[in-house]
Amino acid sequence: EARPQVLAVELPAEAGEWTQWIGHPETVPPVAFALADPVGESLSFYPFAAFSPEFVALQWAHQNSVPVQCIDLSAAVPRAGLTAAASSPVVGAAIEDRVGAESSVDSWDVLVESRGCGAGAEEIRRAALAVGFARRADHDVADMQTELREAAMREGLRSCEGQAVAAVIGAFHAPALTTDLLADPEQQRADADLLARHPAVATPVGSLVPYGSAELDSRSGYPAGIADPAWQQTVLESGGSPAALRAAVIATLTDIGVAIRRRKQPCGTPEIAEAARMALDLASLRGLPAPGRRELLEAMTTVFAQGDVLGRGRVVAAAAQDVLVGAARGTVAPAAPRTGLADDVDRRLAQTKLPSDKAELRLEPLRSDLDAAREVLLHQFAAAAISYGQPVAGIGPGGARTVGNRWEVGVSSSTHASIAAAARFGVTVPQVAAARLRHGLVGSEQGQSCQTVLRVLRQALYGALGALVRDLVEQVRRTFPHEAALTELTGAVALCEEVLAGQFAGALTPGIKGLYDEIATVRTELTGPIVREIEGMAGATDIEDARVLAEAYRILSRSSGDGRLRLRRNITGFANGTSSSLIRGAARALLVADNAGSEAGTDAITALSADVAQLIGSGDRPRIVGYVQGLLAAVPHLLLTDPEALAAFDTVITELTDAGFVARLPALRGAFDGADPEARDRLLAEIERTTSTAGRRSHVDPELVAGWAADDQQTFARLRALGLADAAFTPGVRWQLILGRRRDAQPEARALCRSLDRLYGAPSTRVEDQLGLGGGAGSERSYPSVREWSDDLLELFGADVREDVLAQAADRGDAGAALTLSPDQMRPSVELLTTMLALSGGLPEARLAQLRPLVRRCVEELTKRLATQLRPALRGLRTARPTRRNTRLLDPRRTIAANLKHVYRDDDGQHRIVAAQPVFAQRAVRQPDWHIIIVVDVSGSMEASTVYAALVAAVLAGVPALSVTFLAFSTEIVDLSEQVEDPLALLTEISVGGGTSIWLGVAAAAARVKVPKRTLLVMITDFEENGPAAPLLAGISSLAESGVQMLGCAALDDTGVARYHVATAQAVAAAGMPVSAVSPTRLAEWVAETVNGSA
């Protein structure tokens, strides 16, 4: 036998110091060597079972004092970006066909495992190497990850030169580790060069952790796992004896039969005997010394499952899993290195009586001290990134918060590995949790965002980390009033109220109770900034903003001081129309709900009725949808709980003519689609209850009423036969159509509802309808194509409404709906253009070619319209070279200045000037005198402004006196100045979305300033800076001092209202950049006024 001086093992270099503990006599497999990223939360495992060749070899090395060399690639080398090409299994497929195997695992069993019983060690080694060399023929040379690993293995083996080496490696890698390749100088240089190009960049933390059979099984998700580890252990224990293995097969089938009987299914001695006979016979027919795994499975499925893959088959599968996979769990040698944190975790688990085995717990921390301690510890585990428990979402009736919380807990190999990774942060769970949270506060080079601070503060409060909470509360007091957006401000105040109300276990611990005064102070101090930021919500169009506005209103309604008065003034202003339709609806709903039952409430209902009548009467789909969605987002149950508010809608909808109702139905359906199905069902039930005539008494003879009804039916039938009948929709049917909860069998109603279900979803597809809880399912077929749907929309609603519906479908991601629009017939708008631009990024080239003419037509038409609007404003923009020659372009300002000596008083006493010496403007050649830099925020909230900015830039680029630079930014800068004269090319280059780093845009603009006093800077952003505002303000101050003329646009559109961060905008204005929400025309006027005023 070989007497190696070194044992080389296919393990990462980091495992070197742990091999003595893996092979230690007191280590009981299965165990795993774990590597954890010390910064992130990624874990990797290298399991060892008793039958693992590496484990057996390491045990031998430990017993014989042979040094071990771990030769695989270090885990510190990043794998990201390395190709791991999938091979084309030509040879492998041929092998599997030859031996009748279904996969590479089965072919290995047939060629190596099954035939290895009773064979010698050298025979088994040669068989394994033969399979490896055959599989190597399918290897793809583009597999960089494998190439890098094998280069590391060769270098590791070269380091053992001059010594007898035994290498325990995968058979697949053997062809790459031959002695010829090891000795080849060219290969040595190539290996060294390849490894030098991929250096280690981290220091992973290693640990040895207990592992389980279930985790070792390949079906657990471990890519290099082995199927049925308990069976593999049985094969190992047979000692290579065919007779012992045959006996083990019979015992295994007997155990499976017992497990089947425990599951209340019959499986007696005859079945077990027949299965054993079949397994032995299959082995004999295939020339095997004893049955292998394949024979065992075939006998079991044939005899025990009897061909049933569902009922009995599932029972047999479950029983086989218990027996063949097993439930063994290993232990690590007691003397193996162990962290102080691991001891602290064990102690705290014992104190709180939390289980080690997997379990689901229901905790009631506000009713039980033990549950409170448990919940605090579980939150500390989560903050420390220790893998032990996960919360299970639970919501009470109507979305209410539940008293109890559910957690899935249990100790696993990930728990041990994550403890080892976290140990560098401390030796106790609270210490590690606080340190890891502080580490998470380290943001970008510009500092921490308010969103991150708020998230970490919540985690610290739930984990009762008092010292960290104290620091974070102070940081909130210092930074939030000036930097936080309304979402973070309301979130911070809501969190403070949760703490002061004691709504979770962490808030009731002594350490957090001692901070109540500071937390109450924060809550009070943030009310002023909330009022200030509400002023910047006027132009919001996101439903989430309406919810944030409602939360801010509820918070400030409970506050003292002048905050409530300022709040009411802002909300009243929003409700009266100085805002987007979404915010207007939300504000009106808040006023109605807040003043219910009072005289002010009557006025609020009157105003609501007027709003609804005006909006629905106008038929303006975007305004109707925005208003109703804002109303329902701010006060979801307003129409259910306030009959007068519901009557405001019902009256207008009922009084519409049928034609008027049909024309507005898509808008109304879209408006109420934002409510959840259950809410719409309850609203429809309430409407039917209040409008029902079932309970009304009548003094008219019932027989007479029946006669009238029969006459009505006969008349309507004749009108229908003559084609003269109109679709007379009752109020109940109208509401069914609006809410998408149809129950009416009226054909006209079904046709309308079917056409809108294509966009909003059919009620019959919803779970509650399938359970009989919804509005009933229609039997009509769905639309086979977008074209047929478009034709029906045209017939039912008309061309204008059809375009609106198709555009809305496109906005929801339906590219087919956008492609149905005709370039010649479409109505270009900024909203439609943003939708088509968003779709273009995810379409294949064939469909993108269909979309391009639509986008081009939309851009051309919008640019033409905008140029018409801006031309009057830019007409007065001249160069600084006047002339006495008559160019037909009079320069009014210079003409007046040159003729002030020719002033006289007329008969009416008015002073008049005689233009004896007129001054004209000389037509300029393309030699720009002014440089305008347009810096555009292309984060997700600025879509419409981005489109307008591109169109305005194209118009300004056509002015001879101006040169235009166009910069787009989110968290990076892109210079698109070369495309500025082609708005289509410009818009297709812009990718909207991502975060916001405004200071980057300012810095990029400053780098492009050449003559400050002849430079205009237009910054278009919502001023939601991701990080501290200090770099931004410093950049703006520097530009202002140099003489650059600047304008900050909180929005650039036709509405003149914006949704922006007020505090940052005020600070920017104070630094030298005036801020306003402007229209494109007003922006052009500012450019002209600035240029002409400085000429």
Foldseek 3Di string as FASTA:
>chain_A
DDDFQEEEEQDAQVCQVVLLQLLPPQWADFKWKKWAFLQDQDIDTDTDHPLDPSSVVSVVCNVVVRHYFHQFHHPLFDCPPQAQDDFDPPLVVVLCVVLVHDHSLRSCCVQAVQQQQQDDPVVNVVSQLVSLVSRLVRDDPSRRNVVLGLLSNLVRVLVCPPTGYDYDDHSVSVVSNDPVLSPDPVSNVVSVVSDVVGDRDGDIFIDMGKAWLVCQACVVVNPPHHHQVLLVVQSVVLVSHLVSNLVSLLVLLVQLQVQLVVVVDDDDDVLSVQLSVQQQVVCVVSVTSHGTPVSSVVSQCCRQVVPDCPDSVVSSVVSNCCRRSHTDMIDTRPVGDDALQVVQVVVLCVVLVPDAAKDKDKAQLVVDVSSLSVQLLVLLCVLLSQPFKDWDDDADPPRHDDRITMITGHHHRSRRSSSSSQRVQDNHSLSSSLSSLVVQQADPPQGGFLVSLLVSLLSCQSNLNQVSNVVSLVVCQVPVLQFNALVSLLSLLVVLVCLVVVSGSSSPDPSNVVCNVSSVVSNQVSLVSNLLQLLQCQADQDLVSLLSLLSNLVSQVPDDDCSNVSNLVSLVVSLVPSGALQSVLSSLLSQCVVQPPHPSNVVSLVSLLVVLLVVLVVLPLVNLQNNLSSNCSNPVCSVVPPVSNVVSNLVNLQPDDPLSLLQNLLSLLNNLLVRDQVSLQSNLVSVCVVPPCVPPDDPDDPVVVVVVVVVVVVVQVVCVVVVNHDPDAHSSLSSCSSSLLDQDPPVLSVLSSLLSCVQSNHPCVDPCVVVVNTRHHDPDDHDPALVVSLVSCCVRHNDVSSLVSLLVSLLVPPLRSLLVDDLVPHDADLSSLLSLLVNLVPDPPVSNVSSVSNNLSNLVVVLVVLLVLQVVLCLLFADPDKDQDPPVAFNVVVQCVVFVVQWDADPVRDIDTDSPRTIGGDDDDQDAQAEEEEEEEQAQSASSQVLQVLSLLLSVCPDSNYQYWYWYDFPDIDTPSVCSVPSSVVSSVDDHHHHHAVLNSLVVVVVVDDQLQRYEYEYEAQQSHRHDCVSVLVSLLVSVVSNHHYEYANHEADSQRHNHSSSSQVSSVVSPYHYGHYYSNVVSNVVRCSNVVVD
